[in-house]
Amino acid sequence: MTGKVPTGAAVELVGRSMLDMGAMILEASGERVSWADRTRLADRILTRGHSTSDFPYLLSSAGNRVLADAYQIAQTPLKNLARRRTVTDFRPVSILRLSEAPRLDKVLQNGEIKHGSRAEANEGFAVDTYAKIFSISRNAIVNDDLGAFADASAAFGRSAASTEADLLAGLLLANSGDGAKLSDGNPLYGAARGNKAAAGSAITSDALGDGRKALRNVFDIDGKTPLNVVPRHLVVGSAKETEADRVVAIINPTSEVDVNPFGGKLTVQVEPRLTGNAWRLFADPSQLATIVIAYLAGREGPQIDLKEGWDVLGVEFRAVLDVGCAVQDWRGTYLNSGA
């Protein structure tokens, strides 16, 4: 199913059909196996009395591996911009961000140490469930059509990654590209915040310099403390990929004026869902995260669950993704509408 060469004890199972392996499981549990009726044998492999047998659980375990591999390969680069967290349930999550600690005051001899306070900002979101059902029938087991199940598992892994990409890109594309609204009612980017260029321009050293300056000069929630935010990611759509690669390339200059001030300092992240000419700068999420993405505890990434089929003669599987994302702070990103 994974396309990898089996090793160790698995080698002796190479070439065995699903019926063969299912019959081995029945025999290992002490049941007598008859090959007179292959369809009935398939039913026994899928169910044991009134419960689900071991074989579908092994299928779901293998399916989860295929799904996880496909999910990892298809992940959007926008996840590199997000801070990851885990939540325990589906109730609304509050993102509380405190300002930097207040300045330390000089304490004179026998002087009093004063209390300090910190400003705070609060955003919120919730984890939602995204799912689809697919099945493997007894006909597929009789026909040894394991490839269809493997293909379905991989397809749902890619689908889960696409779901996350749609959610993350949607945060940036909302409100005509100005981004999702925060708790203050204003979108992520805006002239009032100082994180949006007054006029669109191509990706040049000068334009990047303006964006870098804007991030460097951002103040904390208290409105007093400079955060000195350092841009680390240049985020573009496919239309701007070549332009972005060119402006961050490392070159060997022959004179001072030929030096590329951004050579090797920015990582280009390309997400084709970000259509048009706009480009964005993001800080490293470890310094200041703009986006947060959350998963349900114990269910990080997509999972395959199973139940005995009712609508089909076989076993139904469902691919489930419990995920949520939101904008938590505008101070770590900068937008230029491009040209």
C-alpha atoms as a PDB file:
ATOM      1  CA  MET A   1       0.000   0.000   0.000  1.00  0.00           C
ATOM      2  CA  THR A   2       2.825   2.429   0.758  1.00  0.00           C
ATOM      3  CA  GLY A   3       4.843   1.463  -2.299  1.00  0.00           C
ATOM      4  CA  LYS A   4       7.795   0.526  -0.099  1.00  0.00           C
ATOM      5  CA  VAL A   5       9.616  -2.813  -0.280  1.00  0.00           C
ATOM      6  CA  PRO A   6       8.605  -5.087   2.645  1.00  0.00           C
ATOM      7  CA  THR A   7      11.400  -6.156   4.983  1.00  0.00           C
ATOM      8  CA  GLY A   8      11.873  -8.654   7.784  1.00  0.00           C
ATOM      9  CA  ALA A   9       8.982 -10.932   8.645  1.00  0.00           C
ATOM     10  CA  ALA A  10       6.730  -9.070   6.180  1.00  0.00           C
ATOM     11  CA  VAL A  11       8.633 -10.572   3.240  1.00  0.00           C
ATOM     12  CA  GLU A  12       6.862 -13.934   3.602  1.00  0.00           C
ATOM     13  CA  LEU A  13       3.504 -12.198   3.092  1.00  0.00           C
ATOM     14  CA  VAL A  14       4.484 -10.695  -0.269  1.00  0.00           C
ATOM     15  CA  GLY A  15       2.081 -11.872  -2.937  1.00  0.00           C
ATOM     16  CA  ARG A  16      -0.571 -13.054  -0.456  1.00  0.00           C
ATOM     17  CA  SER A  17      -4.062 -11.885  -1.310  1.00  0.00           C
ATOM     18  CA  MET A  18      -6.342 -10.110   1.145  1.00  0.00           C
ATOM     19  CA  LEU A  19      -8.338 -13.343   1.465  1.00  0.00           C
ATOM     20  CA  ASP A  20      -5.114 -15.233   2.278  1.00  0.00           C
ATOM     21  CA  MET A  21      -4.135 -12.791   4.990  1.00  0.00           C
ATOM     22  CA  GLY A  22      -7.664 -12.606   6.359  1.00  0.00           C
ATOM     23  CA  ALA A  23      -7.809 -16.399   6.542  1.00  0.00           C
ATOM     24  CA  MET A  24      -4.496 -16.398   8.441  1.00  0.00           C
ATOM     25  CA  ILE A  25      -6.031 -14.061  11.037  1.00  0.00           C
ATOM     26  CA  LEU A  26      -9.069 -16.342  11.410  1.00  0.00           C
ATOM     27  CA  GLU A  27      -6.866 -19.415  11.820  1.00  0.00           C
ATOM     28  CA  ALA A  28      -4.670 -17.621  14.347  1.00  0.00           C
ATOM     29  CA  SER A  29      -7.776 -16.983  16.463  1.00  0.00           C
ATOM     30  CA  GLY A  30      -8.671 -20.693  16.366  1.00  0.00           C
ATOM     31  CA  GLU A  31     -11.361 -20.576  13.703  1.00  0.00           C
ATOM     32  CA  ARG A  32     -11.685 -23.135  10.955  1.00  0.00           C
ATOM     33  CA  VAL A  33     -11.394 -21.728   7.453  1.00  0.00           C
ATOM     34  CA  SER A  34     -13.216 -23.081   4.420  1.00  0.00           C
ATOM     35  CA  TRP A  35     -12.380 -21.930   0.910  1.00  0.00           C
ATOM     36  CA  ALA A  36     -15.511 -23.473  -0.606  1.00  0.00           C
ATOM     37  CA  ASP A  37     -17.318 -20.119  -0.608  1.00  0.00           C
ATOM     38  CA  ARG A  38     -14.924 -17.202  -1.059  1.00  0.00           C
ATOM     39  CA  THR A  39     -17.671 -14.575  -0.619  1.00  0.00           C
ATOM     40  CA  ARG A  40     -18.721 -16.060   2.707  1.00  0.00           C
ATOM     41  CA  LEU A  41     -15.077 -16.193   3.742  1.00  0.00           C
ATOM     42  CA  ALA A  42     -14.817 -12.494   2.946  1.00  0.00           C
ATOM     43  CA  ASP A  43     -17.832 -11.814   5.176  1.00  0.00           C
ATOM     44  CA  ARG A  44     -16.162 -13.714   8.022  1.00  0.00           C
ATOM     45  CA  ILE A  45     -12.939 -11.787   7.516  1.00  0.00           C
ATOM     46  CA  LEU A  46     -14.790  -8.469   7.776  1.00  0.00           C
ATOM     47  CA  THR A  47     -16.998  -9.383  10.762  1.00  0.00           C
ATOM     48  CA  ARG A  48     -16.802 -11.719  13.726  1.00  0.00           C
ATOM     49  CA  GLY A  49     -20.266 -12.516  15.010  1.00  0.00           C
ATOM     50  CA  HIS A  50     -21.842  -9.136  15.746  1.00  0.00           C
ATOM     51  CA  SER A  51     -18.566  -7.235  16.000  1.00  0.00           C
ATOM     52  CA  THR A  52     -15.892  -6.017  13.635  1.00  0.00           C
ATOM     53  CA  SER A  53     -13.014  -8.473  13.181  1.00  0.00           C
ATOM     54  CA  ASP A  54      -9.293  -7.784  13.440  1.00  0.00           C
ATOM     55  CA  PHE A  55      -8.754  -7.572   9.685  1.00  0.00           C
ATOM     56  CA  PRO A  56     -10.522  -4.198   9.128  1.00  0.00           C
ATOM     57  CA  TYR A  57      -8.530  -2.740  12.029  1.00  0.00           C
ATOM     58  CA  LEU A  58      -5.327  -3.803  10.309  1.00  0.00           C
ATOM     59  CA  LEU A  59      -6.634  -2.242   7.100  1.00  0.00           C
ATOM     60  CA  SER A  60      -7.371   1.042   8.883  1.00  0.00           C
ATOM     61  CA  SER A  61      -3.914   0.995  10.492  1.00  0.00           C
ATOM     62  CA  ALA A  62      -2.265   0.574   7.109  1.00  0.00           C
ATOM     63  CA  GLY A  63      -4.650   3.115   5.606  1.00  0.00           C
ATOM     64  CA  ASN A  64      -3.649   5.651   8.251  1.00  0.00           C
ATOM     65  CA  ARG A  65       0.009   5.217   7.269  1.00  0.00           C
ATOM     66  CA  VAL A  66      -0.778   5.810   3.597  1.00  0.00           C
ATOM     67  CA  LEU A  67      -3.020   8.758   4.500  1.00  0.00           C
ATOM     68  CA  ALA A  68      -0.355  10.289   6.752  1.00  0.00           C
ATOM     69  CA  ASP A  69       2.332   9.980   4.065  1.00  0.00           C
ATOM     70  CA  ALA A  70       0.140  11.651   1.441  1.00  0.00           C
ATOM     71  CA  TYR A  71      -0.922  14.323   3.938  1.00  0.00           C
ATOM     72  CA  GLN A  72       2.685  15.217   4.790  1.00  0.00           C
ATOM     73  CA  ILE A  73       3.731  15.458   1.143  1.00  0.00           C
ATOM     74  CA  ALA A  74       0.791  17.681   0.155  1.00  0.00           C
ATOM     75  CA  GLN A  75       0.988  20.164   3.034  1.00  0.00           C
ATOM     76  CA  THR A  76       0.780  23.872   2.258  1.00  0.00           C
ATOM     77  CA  PRO A  77       3.815  26.063   2.974  1.00  0.00           C
ATOM     78  CA  LEU A  78       1.444  28.407   4.834  1.00  0.00           C
ATOM     79  CA  LYS A  79       1.728  26.038   7.800  1.00  0.00           C
ATOM     80  CA  ASN A  80       5.331  27.233   8.149  1.00  0.00           C
ATOM     81  CA  LEU A  81       3.903  30.620   9.121  1.00  0.00           C
ATOM     82  CA  ALA A  82       1.592  29.306  11.838  1.00  0.00           C
ATOM     83  CA  ARG A  83       2.081  28.507  15.484  1.00  0.00           C
ATOM     84  CA  ARG A  84       0.691  25.092  16.312  1.00  0.00           C
ATOM     85  CA  ARG A  85      -1.335  24.286  19.403  1.00  0.00           C
ATOM     86  CA  THR A  86      -3.507  21.475  20.765  1.00  0.00           C
ATOM     87  CA  VAL A  87      -6.984  21.802  22.266  1.00  0.00           C
ATOM     88  CA  THR A  88      -8.952  19.281  24.314  1.00  0.00           C
ATOM     89  CA  ASP A  89     -12.463  19.851  22.941  1.00  0.00           C
ATOM     90  CA  PHE A  90     -14.578  21.740  20.420  1.00  0.00           C
ATOM     91  CA  ARG A  91     -15.456  24.707  22.619  1.00  0.00           C
ATOM     92  CA  PRO A  92     -14.357  28.181  21.435  1.00  0.00           C
ATOM     93  CA  VAL A  93     -10.663  28.785  22.032  1.00  0.00           C
ATOM     94  CA  SER A  94      -9.487  32.117  23.382  1.00  0.00           C
ATOM     95  CA  ILE A  95      -6.094  33.371  22.202  1.00  0.00           C
ATOM     96  CA  LEU A  96      -4.833  35.698  24.884  1.00  0.00           C
ATOM     97  CA  ARG A  97      -1.683  37.664  24.102  1.00  0.00           C
ATOM     98  CA  LEU A  98       0.028  39.758  26.755  1.00  0.00           C
ATOM     99  CA  SER A  99       2.266  42.703  26.046  1.00  0.00           C
ATOM    100  CA  GLU A 100       5.924  42.686  26.925  1.00  0.00           C
ATOM    101  CA  ALA A 101       6.682  43.141  30.615  1.00  0.00           C
ATOM    102  CA  PRO A 102       6.972  46.781  31.727  1.00  0.00           C
ATOM    103  CA  ARG A 103      10.367  48.426  32.085  1.00  0.00           C
ATOM    104  CA  LEU A 104      12.307  47.688  35.224  1.00  0.00           C
ATOM    105  CA  ASP A 105      12.634  50.770  37.430  1.00  0.00           C
ATOM    106  CA  LYS A 106      15.763  51.656  39.288  1.00  0.00           C
ATOM    107  CA  VAL A 107      15.300  50.980  43.002  1.00  0.00           C
ATOM    108  CA  LEU A 108      16.973  53.446  45.336  1.00  0.00           C
ATOM    109  CA  GLN A 109      18.420  52.383  48.652  1.00  0.00           C
ATOM    110  CA  ASN A 110      15.523  51.454  50.954  1.00  0.00           C
ATOM    111  CA  GLY A 111      13.230  52.369  48.066  1.00  0.00           C
ATOM    112  CA  GLU A 112       9.925  50.787  47.189  1.00  0.00           C
ATOM    113  CA  ILE A 113       9.585  48.361  44.266  1.00  0.00           C
ATOM    114  CA  LYS A 114       6.518  49.365  42.249  1.00  0.00           C
ATOM    115  CA  HIS A 115       3.918  47.092  40.709  1.00  0.00           C
ATOM    116  CA  GLY A 116       3.779  46.797  36.946  1.00  0.00           C
ATOM    117  CA  SER A 117       0.946  45.899  34.551  1.00  0.00           C
ATOM    118  CA  ARG A 118       0.697  44.308  31.125  1.00  0.00           C
ATOM    119  CA  ALA A 119      -1.742  45.075  28.319  1.00  0.00           C
ATOM    120  CA  GLU A 120      -3.549  42.200  26.618  1.00  0.00           C
ATOM    121  CA  ALA A 121      -5.264  41.340  23.349  1.00  0.00           C
ATOM    122  CA  ASN A 122      -7.769  38.559  22.833  1.00  0.00           C
ATOM    123  CA  GLU A 123      -8.795  36.654  19.700  1.00  0.00           C
ATOM    124  CA  GLY A 124     -10.906  33.514  19.408  1.00  0.00           C
ATOM    125  CA  PHE A 125     -11.765  30.534  17.203  1.00  0.00           C
ATOM    126  CA  ALA A 126     -12.866  26.908  17.476  1.00  0.00           C
ATOM    127  CA  VAL A 127     -11.762  23.541  16.118  1.00  0.00           C
ATOM    128  CA  ASP A 128     -14.190  22.078  13.574  1.00  0.00           C
ATOM    129  CA  THR A 129     -14.540  18.583  12.119  1.00  0.00           C
ATOM    130  CA  TYR A 130     -14.110  17.832   8.421  1.00  0.00           C
ATOM    131  CA  ALA A 131     -14.849  14.288   7.196  1.00  0.00           C
ATOM    132  CA  LYS A 132     -15.826  12.018   4.314  1.00  0.00           C
ATOM    133  CA  ILE A 133     -16.784   8.321   4.184  1.00  0.00           C
ATOM    134  CA  PHE A 134     -15.401   5.668   1.851  1.00  0.00           C
ATOM    135  CA  SER A 135     -15.652   1.894   1.969  1.00  0.00           C
ATOM    136  CA  ILE A 136     -14.035  -1.393   1.074  1.00  0.00           C
ATOM    137  CA  SER A 137     -16.509  -4.053  -0.010  1.00  0.00           C
ATOM    138  CA  ARG A 138     -16.320  -7.798   0.264  1.00  0.00           C
ATOM    139  CA  ASN A 139     -16.093  -7.827  -3.551  1.00  0.00           C
ATOM    140  CA  ALA A 140     -12.881  -5.812  -3.285  1.00  0.00           C
ATOM    141  CA  ILE A 141     -11.505  -8.384  -0.837  1.00  0.00           C
ATOM    142  CA  VAL A 142     -12.544 -11.334  -3.013  1.00  0.00           C
ATOM    143  CA  ASN A 143     -10.966  -9.609  -6.031  1.00  0.00           C
ATOM    144  CA  ASP A 144      -7.898  -8.624  -3.933  1.00  0.00           C
ATOM    145  CA  ASP A 145      -8.381  -4.974  -4.924  1.00  0.00           C
ATOM    146  CA  LEU A 146      -6.205  -3.501  -2.189  1.00  0.00           C
ATOM    147  CA  GLY A 147      -4.990  -0.807  -4.555  1.00  0.00           C
ATOM    148  CA  ALA A 148      -8.395   0.917  -4.515  1.00  0.00           C
ATOM    149  CA  PHE A 149      -8.276   1.205  -0.722  1.00  0.00           C
ATOM    150  CA  ALA A 150      -4.686   2.473  -0.817  1.00  0.00           C
ATOM    151  CA  ASP A 151      -5.602   5.031  -3.484  1.00  0.00           C
ATOM    152  CA  ALA A 152      -8.598   6.190  -1.440  1.00  0.00           C
ATOM    153  CA  SER A 153      -6.463   6.546   1.689  1.00  0.00           C
ATOM    154  CA  ALA A 154      -3.842   8.596  -0.156  1.00  0.00           C
ATOM    155  CA  ALA A 155      -6.519  10.710  -1.826  1.00  0.00           C
ATOM    156  CA  PHE A 156      -8.076  11.573   1.523  1.00  0.00           C
ATOM    157  CA  GLY A 157      -4.632  12.428   2.906  1.00  0.00           C
ATOM    158  CA  ARG A 158      -4.187  14.921   0.087  1.00  0.00           C
ATOM    159  CA  SER A 159      -7.744  16.148   0.610  1.00  0.00           C
ATOM    160  CA  ALA A 160      -7.046  16.816   4.303  1.00  0.00           C
ATOM    161  CA  ALA A 161      -3.946  18.835   3.377  1.00  0.00           C
ATOM    162  CA  SER A 162      -6.005  20.783   0.828  1.00  0.00           C
ATOM    163  CA  THR A 163      -8.653  21.494   3.455  1.00  0.00           C
ATOM    164  CA  GLU A 164      -6.021  23.018   5.734  1.00  0.00           C
ATOM    165  CA  ALA A 165      -4.547  25.015   2.850  1.00  0.00           C
ATOM    166  CA  ASP A 166      -7.988  26.412   1.961  1.00  0.00           C
ATOM    167  CA  LEU A 167      -8.576  27.466   5.571  1.00  0.00           C
ATOM    168  CA  LEU A 168      -5.178  29.143   5.952  1.00  0.00           C
ATOM    169  CA  ALA A 169      -5.297  30.866   2.563  1.00  0.00           C
ATOM    170  CA  GLY A 170      -8.831  32.021   3.358  1.00  0.00           C
ATOM    171  CA  LEU A 171      -7.513  33.943   6.359  1.00  0.00           C
ATOM    172  CA  LEU A 172      -5.206  35.946   4.076  1.00  0.00           C
ATOM    173  CA  LEU A 173      -7.610  36.388   1.150  1.00  0.00           C
ATOM    174  CA  ALA A 174     -10.637  37.533   3.161  1.00  0.00           C
ATOM    175  CA  ASN A 175     -11.899  41.105   2.767  1.00  0.00           C
ATOM    176  CA  SER A 176     -10.527  41.510  -0.761  1.00  0.00           C
ATOM    177  CA  GLY A 177      -7.041  40.415   0.267  1.00  0.00           C
ATOM    178  CA  ASP A 178      -6.773  42.518   3.424  1.00  0.00           C
ATOM    179  CA  GLY A 179      -7.205  39.400   5.531  1.00  0.00           C
ATOM    180  CA  ALA A 180      -9.612  38.155   8.175  1.00  0.00           C
ATOM    181  CA  LYS A 181     -10.966  40.604  10.730  1.00  0.00           C
ATOM    182  CA  LEU A 182      -9.554  40.645  14.239  1.00  0.00           C
ATOM    183  CA  SER A 183     -11.399  41.363  17.471  1.00  0.00           C
ATOM    184  CA  ASP A 184     -11.112  45.119  16.893  1.00  0.00           C
ATOM    185  CA  GLY A 185     -13.301  44.756  13.788  1.00  0.00           C
ATOM    186  CA  ASN A 186     -10.517  45.659  11.350  1.00  0.00           C
ATOM    187  CA  PRO A 187      -8.879  43.310   8.848  1.00  0.00           C
ATOM    188  CA  LEU A 188      -5.400  41.875   9.281  1.00  0.00           C
ATOM    189  CA  TYR A 189      -3.780  44.428   6.935  1.00  0.00           C
ATOM    190  CA  GLY A 190      -4.470  48.144   6.746  1.00  0.00           C
ATOM    191  CA  ALA A 191      -2.852  51.559   6.493  1.00  0.00           C
ATOM    192  CA  ALA A 192      -3.955  52.373  10.036  1.00  0.00           C
ATOM    193  CA  ARG A 193      -1.988  49.403  11.332  1.00  0.00           C
ATOM    194  CA  GLY A 194       1.045  50.405   9.294  1.00  0.00           C
ATOM    195  CA  ASN A 195       1.438  46.907   7.827  1.00  0.00           C
ATOM    196  CA  LYS A 196       0.188  47.580   4.301  1.00  0.00           C
ATOM    197  CA  ALA A 197       2.043  49.436   1.576  1.00  0.00           C
ATOM    198  CA  ALA A 198       0.406  52.674   0.452  1.00  0.00           C
ATOM    199  CA  ALA A 199       0.800  51.620  -3.190  1.00  0.00           C
ATOM    200  CA  GLY A 200       1.431  48.271  -4.834  1.00  0.00           C
ATOM    201  CA  SER A 201       4.824  47.544  -6.333  1.00  0.00           C
ATOM    202  CA  ALA A 202       6.853  44.710  -7.745  1.00  0.00           C
ATOM    203  CA  ILE A 203       9.106  42.722  -5.418  1.00  0.00           C
ATOM    204  CA  THR A 204      12.261  44.819  -5.346  1.00  0.00           C
ATOM    205  CA  SER A 205      14.962  45.482  -2.771  1.00  0.00           C
ATOM    206  CA  ASP A 206      13.496  48.920  -2.112  1.00  0.00           C
ATOM    207  CA  ALA A 207       9.966  47.569  -1.653  1.00  0.00           C
ATOM    208  CA  LEU A 208      11.231  44.803   0.627  1.00  0.00           C
ATOM    209  CA  GLY A 209      13.173  47.427   2.543  1.00  0.00           C
ATOM    210  CA  ASP A 210       9.956  49.358   3.166  1.00  0.00           C
ATOM    211  CA  GLY A 211       8.303  46.215   4.459  1.00  0.00           C
ATOM    212  CA  ARG A 212      11.243  45.351   6.677  1.00  0.00           C
ATOM    213  CA  LYS A 213      11.260  48.867   8.114  1.00  0.00           C
ATOM    214  CA  ALA A 214       7.534  48.663   8.866  1.00  0.00           C
ATOM    215  CA  LEU A 215       8.003  45.413  10.775  1.00  0.00           C
ATOM    216  CA  ARG A 216      11.068  46.660  12.628  1.00  0.00           C
ATOM    217  CA  ASN A 217       9.132  49.699  13.844  1.00  0.00           C
ATOM    218  CA  VAL A 218       6.046  47.840  15.081  1.00  0.00           C
ATOM    219  CA  PHE A 219       5.085  48.546  18.687  1.00  0.00           C
ATOM    220  CA  ASP A 220       3.763  45.997  21.161  1.00  0.00           C
ATOM    221  CA  ILE A 221       0.211  45.935  22.503  1.00  0.00           C
ATOM    222  CA  ASP A 222       1.145  48.561  25.067  1.00  0.00           C
ATOM    223  CA  GLY A 223       1.869  51.002  22.210  1.00  0.00           C
ATOM    224  CA  LYS A 224       5.264  51.841  23.705  1.00  0.00           C
ATOM    225  CA  THR A 225       7.638  48.905  23.337  1.00  0.00           C
ATOM    226  CA  PRO A 226       9.274  48.436  19.893  1.00  0.00           C
ATOM    227  CA  LEU A 227       9.196  44.743  18.926  1.00  0.00           C
ATOM    228  CA  ASN A 228      11.942  44.874  16.298  1.00  0.00           C
ATOM    229  CA  VAL A 229      10.191  42.184  14.240  1.00  0.00           C
ATOM    230  CA  VAL A 230      12.469  40.444  11.725  1.00  0.00           C
ATOM    231  CA  PRO A 231      10.892  39.237   8.449  1.00  0.00           C
ATOM    232  CA  ARG A 232      11.793  35.630   7.653  1.00  0.00           C
ATOM    233  CA  HIS A 233       9.276  34.503   5.021  1.00  0.00           C
ATOM    234  CA  LEU A 234       8.347  36.055   1.680  1.00  0.00           C
ATOM    235  CA  VAL A 235       4.914  34.631   0.793  1.00  0.00           C
ATOM    236  CA  VAL A 236       3.723  34.760  -2.814  1.00  0.00           C
ATOM    237  CA  GLY A 237       1.389  33.088  -5.272  1.00  0.00           C
ATOM    238  CA  SER A 238       2.634  31.164  -8.281  1.00  0.00           C
ATOM    239  CA  ALA A 239       2.530  34.326 -10.434  1.00  0.00           C
ATOM    240  CA  LYS A 240       5.288  35.901  -8.334  1.00  0.00           C
ATOM    241  CA  GLU A 241       7.490  32.878  -7.610  1.00  0.00           C
ATOM    242  CA  THR A 242      10.232  33.636 -10.146  1.00  0.00           C
ATOM    243  CA  GLU A 243      10.289  37.297  -9.179  1.00  0.00           C
ATOM    244  CA  ALA A 244      10.575  36.368  -5.502  1.00  0.00           C
ATOM    245  CA  ASP A 245      13.366  33.842  -6.125  1.00  0.00           C
ATOM    246  CA  ARG A 246      15.329  36.412  -8.083  1.00  0.00           C
ATOM    247  CA  VAL A 247      15.152  39.128  -5.422  1.00  0.00           C
ATOM    248  CA  VAL A 248      16.327  36.854  -2.572  1.00  0.00           C
ATOM    249  CA  ALA A 249      19.065  35.096  -4.531  1.00  0.00           C
ATOM    250  CA  ILE A 250      22.594  35.119  -3.151  1.00  0.00           C
ATOM    251  CA  ILE A 251      24.993  36.765  -5.614  1.00  0.00           C
ATOM    252  CA  ASN A 252      28.703  37.514  -5.680  1.00  0.00           C
ATOM    253  CA  PRO A 253      28.812  41.306  -6.133  1.00  0.00           C
ATOM    254  CA  THR A 254      31.720  43.094  -7.776  1.00  0.00           C
ATOM    255  CA  SER A 255      30.950  46.387  -6.035  1.00  0.00           C
ATOM    256  CA  GLU A 256      29.049  47.682  -3.022  1.00  0.00           C
ATOM    257  CA  VAL A 257      26.100  48.884  -5.107  1.00  0.00           C
ATOM    258  CA  ASP A 258      25.622  45.358  -6.451  1.00  0.00           C
ATOM    259  CA  VAL A 259      25.130  43.820  -3.007  1.00  0.00           C
ATOM    260  CA  ASN A 260      21.752  42.123  -2.540  1.00  0.00           C
ATOM    261  CA  PRO A 261      20.673  43.129   1.006  1.00  0.00           C
ATOM    262  CA  PHE A 262      18.093  40.322   1.091  1.00  0.00           C
ATOM    263  CA  GLY A 263      20.256  37.538  -0.360  1.00  0.00           C
ATOM    264  CA  GLY A 264      19.670  34.426   1.757  1.00  0.00           C
ATOM    265  CA  LYS A 265      17.722  36.338   4.417  1.00  0.00           C
ATOM    266  CA  LEU A 266      14.186  35.427   3.317  1.00  0.00           C
ATOM    267  CA  THR A 267      12.605  32.045   2.631  1.00  0.00           C
ATOM    268  CA  VAL A 268      10.191  32.082  -0.299  1.00  0.00           C
ATOM    269  CA  GLN A 269       6.889  30.313   0.447  1.00  0.00           C
ATOM    270  CA  VAL A 270       4.696  29.708  -2.607  1.00  0.00           C
ATOM    271  CA  GLU A 271       0.971  28.966  -2.252  1.00  0.00           C
ATOM    272  CA  PRO A 272      -0.958  28.892  -5.563  1.00  0.00           C
ATOM    273  CA  ARG A 273      -4.208  29.695  -3.738  1.00  0.00           C
ATOM    274  CA  LEU A 274      -2.833  33.216  -3.277  1.00  0.00           C
ATOM    275  CA  THR A 275      -3.716  34.459  -6.741  1.00  0.00           C
ATOM    276  CA  GLY A 276      -2.749  37.817  -8.172  1.00  0.00           C
ATOM    277  CA  ASN A 277       0.323  39.984  -7.658  1.00  0.00           C
ATOM    278  CA  ALA A 278       0.177  40.565  -3.899  1.00  0.00           C
ATOM    279  CA  TRP A 279       3.120  39.526  -1.746  1.00  0.00           C
ATOM    280  CA  ARG A 280       3.522  39.343   2.004  1.00  0.00           C
ATOM    281  CA  LEU A 281       6.264  39.288   4.600  1.00  0.00           C
ATOM    282  CA  PHE A 282       5.976  37.178   7.746  1.00  0.00           C
ATOM    283  CA  ALA A 283       8.079  36.934  10.859  1.00  0.00           C
ATOM    284  CA  ASP A 284       9.227  33.572  12.137  1.00  0.00           C
ATOM    285  CA  PRO A 285       6.273  32.271  14.195  1.00  0.00           C
ATOM    286  CA  SER A 286       8.671  31.540  17.055  1.00  0.00           C
ATOM    287  CA  GLN A 287       9.256  35.315  17.332  1.00  0.00           C
ATOM    288  CA  LEU A 288       5.770  36.590  16.581  1.00  0.00           C
ATOM    289  CA  ALA A 289       3.071  34.353  15.098  1.00  0.00           C
ATOM    290  CA  THR A 290       0.395  35.897  12.899  1.00  0.00           C
ATOM    291  CA  ILE A 291      -1.589  32.680  12.468  1.00  0.00           C
ATOM    292  CA  VAL A 292      -2.382  29.850  14.856  1.00  0.00           C
ATOM    293  CA  ILE A 293      -3.502  26.376  13.784  1.00  0.00           C
ATOM    294  CA  ALA A 294      -4.959  23.952  16.319  1.00  0.00           C
ATOM    295  CA  TYR A 295      -5.759  20.248  16.395  1.00  0.00           C
ATOM    296  CA  LEU A 296      -7.813  18.150  18.767  1.00  0.00           C
ATOM    297  CA  ALA A 297      -5.609  16.421  21.354  1.00  0.00           C
ATOM    298  CA  GLY A 298      -4.708  12.915  20.227  1.00  0.00           C
ATOM    299  CA  ARG A 299      -6.058  13.607  16.731  1.00  0.00           C
ATOM    300  CA  GLU A 300      -3.284  15.691  15.193  1.00  0.00           C
ATOM    301  CA  GLY A 301      -3.740  15.519  11.442  1.00  0.00           C
ATOM    302  CA  PRO A 302      -6.282  13.354   9.582  1.00  0.00           C
ATOM    303  CA  GLN A 303      -7.324   9.968  10.974  1.00  0.00           C
ATOM    304  CA  ILE A 304      -9.122   6.933   9.567  1.00  0.00           C
ATOM    305  CA  ASP A 305     -11.924   5.435  11.674  1.00  0.00           C
ATOM    306  CA  LEU A 306     -14.055   2.413  10.775  1.00  0.00           C
ATOM    307  CA  LYS A 307     -17.393   0.721  11.327  1.00  0.00           C
ATOM    308  CA  GLU A 308     -19.133  -2.321   9.885  1.00  0.00           C
ATOM    309  CA  GLY A 309     -20.818  -1.301   6.661  1.00  0.00           C
ATOM    310  CA  TRP A 310     -24.570  -0.950   6.515  1.00  0.00           C
ATOM    311  CA  ASP A 311     -25.005   0.780   3.178  1.00  0.00           C
ATOM    312  CA  VAL A 312     -22.360  -1.517   1.664  1.00  0.00           C
ATOM    313  CA  LEU A 313     -21.489  -5.197   2.094  1.00  0.00           C
ATOM    314  CA  GLY A 314     -18.141  -4.538   3.650  1.00  0.00           C
ATOM    315  CA  VAL A 315     -16.565  -2.031   5.994  1.00  0.00           C
ATOM    316  CA  GLU A 316     -17.004   1.743   5.916  1.00  0.00           C
ATOM    317  CA  PHE A 317     -14.094   3.999   6.715  1.00  0.00           C
ATOM    318  CA  ARG A 318     -14.203   7.694   7.373  1.00  0.00           C
ATOM    319  CA  ALA A 319     -11.368  10.155   7.028  1.00  0.00           C
ATOM    320  CA  VAL A 320     -11.695  12.745   9.798  1.00  0.00           C
ATOM    321  CA  LEU A 321      -9.770  15.980  10.346  1.00  0.00           C
ATOM    322  CA  ASP A 322     -10.324  18.047  13.491  1.00  0.00           C
ATOM    323  CA  VAL A 323      -8.670  21.405  12.870  1.00  0.00           C
ATOM    324  CA  GLY A 324      -9.153  25.116  13.373  1.00  0.00           C
ATOM    325  CA  CYS A 325      -7.121  28.206  12.531  1.00  0.00           C
ATOM    326  CA  ALA A 326      -7.280  31.923  13.090  1.00  0.00           C
ATOM    327  CA  VAL A 327      -5.351  35.186  12.883  1.00  0.00           C
ATOM    328  CA  GLN A 328      -3.999  36.033  16.317  1.00  0.00           C
ATOM    329  CA  ASP A 329      -1.861  39.136  15.720  1.00  0.00           C
ATOM    330  CA  TRP A 330      -1.254  41.637  12.929  1.00  0.00           C
ATOM    331  CA  ARG A 331       2.189  42.771  14.084  1.00  0.00           C
ATOM    332  CA  GLY A 332       4.178  39.988  12.445  1.00  0.00           C
ATOM    333  CA  THR A 333       3.196  40.460   8.819  1.00  0.00           C
ATOM    334  CA  TYR A 334       3.238  43.055   6.009  1.00  0.00           C
ATOM    335  CA  LEU A 335       1.262  43.247   2.746  1.00  0.00           C
ATOM    336  CA  ASN A 336       2.110  44.804  -0.591  1.00  0.00           C
ATOM    337  CA  SER A 337      -0.661  44.507  -3.203  1.00  0.00           C
ATOM    338  CA  GLY A 338       1.952  44.030  -5.904  1.00  0.00           C
ATOM    339  CA  ALA A 339       2.207  45.223  -9.476  1.00  0.00           C
END
